[in-house]
Amino acid sequence: ALVNENREHLYHAAMMDPHTAAELDLDQIWSLVDDLLVAHHDWIPEWARIARQARTA
């Protein structure tokens, strides 16, 4: 994700984690990553950020 500055790869990485995949379905993983990106907005690169308004809508 970092090399290509591709936010979707962050979701793919979470989906590839064995523990996460064992506990959550794909929709839940997408939601989890969205929540993490919003919660850590100030700490992540701009290309990886999602609009806070988009997530709360």
C-alpha atoms as a PDB file:
ATOM      1  CA  ALA A   1       0.000   0.000   0.000  1.00  0.00           C
ATOM      2  CA  LEU A   2       2.758   2.410   0.948  1.00  0.00           C
ATOM      3  CA  VAL A   3       4.904   1.845  -2.139  1.00  0.00           C
ATOM      4  CA  ASN A   4       1.983   2.355  -4.525  1.00  0.00           C
ATOM      5  CA  GLU A   5       0.083   4.797  -2.298  1.00  0.00           C
ATOM      6  CA  ASN A   6      -3.005   2.671  -2.833  1.00  0.00           C
ATOM      7  CA  ARG A   7      -5.528   2.729   0.016  1.00  0.00           C
ATOM      8  CA  GLU A   8      -7.270  -0.421  -1.240  1.00  0.00           C
ATOM      9  CA  HIS A   9      -4.143  -2.406  -0.449  1.00  0.00           C
ATOM     10  CA  LEU A  10      -4.658  -1.542   3.228  1.00  0.00           C
ATOM     11  CA  TYR A  11      -7.969  -3.406   3.074  1.00  0.00           C
ATOM     12  CA  HIS A  12      -6.316  -6.296   1.233  1.00  0.00           C
ATOM     13  CA  ALA A  13      -3.630  -6.562   3.920  1.00  0.00           C
ATOM     14  CA  ALA A  14      -6.279  -6.782   6.636  1.00  0.00           C
ATOM     15  CA  MET A  15      -8.103  -9.461   4.641  1.00  0.00           C
ATOM     16  CA  MET A  16      -4.895 -11.500   4.383  1.00  0.00           C
ATOM     17  CA  ASP A  17      -4.331 -11.494   8.153  1.00  0.00           C
ATOM     18  CA  PRO A  18      -5.234 -15.027   9.324  1.00  0.00           C
ATOM     19  CA  HIS A  19      -6.693 -13.987  12.673  1.00  0.00           C
ATOM     20  CA  THR A  20      -8.779 -11.160  11.219  1.00  0.00           C
ATOM     21  CA  ALA A  21     -10.062 -13.388   8.423  1.00  0.00           C
ATOM     22  CA  ALA A  22     -10.983 -16.094  10.939  1.00  0.00           C
ATOM     23  CA  GLU A  23     -13.005 -13.692  13.081  1.00  0.00           C
ATOM     24  CA  LEU A  24     -14.613 -11.291  10.588  1.00  0.00           C
ATOM     25  CA  ASP A  25     -16.310 -11.517   7.212  1.00  0.00           C
ATOM     26  CA  LEU A  26     -15.205  -9.250   4.345  1.00  0.00           C
ATOM     27  CA  ASP A  27     -17.797  -6.555   5.034  1.00  0.00           C
ATOM     28  CA  GLN A  28     -16.714  -6.418   8.666  1.00  0.00           C
ATOM     29  CA  ILE A  29     -13.065  -6.148   7.639  1.00  0.00           C
ATOM     30  CA  TRP A  30     -13.858  -3.237   5.298  1.00  0.00           C
ATOM     31  CA  SER A  31     -15.725  -1.544   8.130  1.00  0.00           C
ATOM     32  CA  LEU A  32     -12.898  -2.202  10.590  1.00  0.00           C
ATOM     33  CA  VAL A  33     -10.299  -0.679   8.273  1.00  0.00           C
ATOM     34  CA  ASP A  34     -12.572   2.323   7.645  1.00  0.00           C
ATOM     35  CA  ASP A  35     -12.922   2.811  11.396  1.00  0.00           C
ATOM     36  CA  LEU A  36      -9.156   2.558  11.880  1.00  0.00           C
ATOM     37  CA  LEU A  37      -8.453   5.053   9.104  1.00  0.00           C
ATOM     38  CA  VAL A  38     -10.887   7.543  10.625  1.00  0.00           C
ATOM     39  CA  ALA A  39      -9.643   6.997  14.175  1.00  0.00           C
ATOM     40  CA  HIS A  40      -5.990   7.464  13.179  1.00  0.00           C
ATOM     41  CA  HIS A  41      -6.633  10.203  10.617  1.00  0.00           C
ATOM     42  CA  ASP A  42      -3.941  12.491  12.014  1.00  0.00           C
ATOM     43  CA  TRP A  43      -1.281   9.771  11.986  1.00  0.00           C
ATOM     44  CA  ILE A  44      -1.602   8.336   8.492  1.00  0.00           C
ATOM     45  CA  PRO A  45      -0.422   9.716   5.134  1.00  0.00           C
ATOM     46  CA  GLU A  46      -2.834  11.930   3.240  1.00  0.00           C
ATOM     47  CA  TRP A  47      -3.271   9.418   0.409  1.00  0.00           C
ATOM     48  CA  ALA A  48      -4.619   6.851   2.891  1.00  0.00           C
ATOM     49  CA  ARG A  49      -7.100   9.135   4.632  1.00  0.00           C
ATOM     50  CA  ILE A  50     -10.824   8.929   4.161  1.00  0.00           C
ATOM     51  CA  ALA A  51     -13.163  11.822   4.777  1.00  0.00           C
ATOM     52  CA  ARG A  52     -14.586  11.687   8.278  1.00  0.00           C
ATOM     53  CA  GLN A  53     -17.955  12.854   6.956  1.00  0.00           C
ATOM     54  CA  ALA A  54     -18.072  10.012   4.430  1.00  0.00           C
ATOM     55  CA  ARG A  55     -17.633   7.410   7.161  1.00  0.00           C
ATOM     56  CA  THR A  56     -20.257   8.863   9.500  1.00  0.00           C
ATOM     57  CA  ALA A  57     -22.882   9.224   6.749  1.00  0.00           C
END
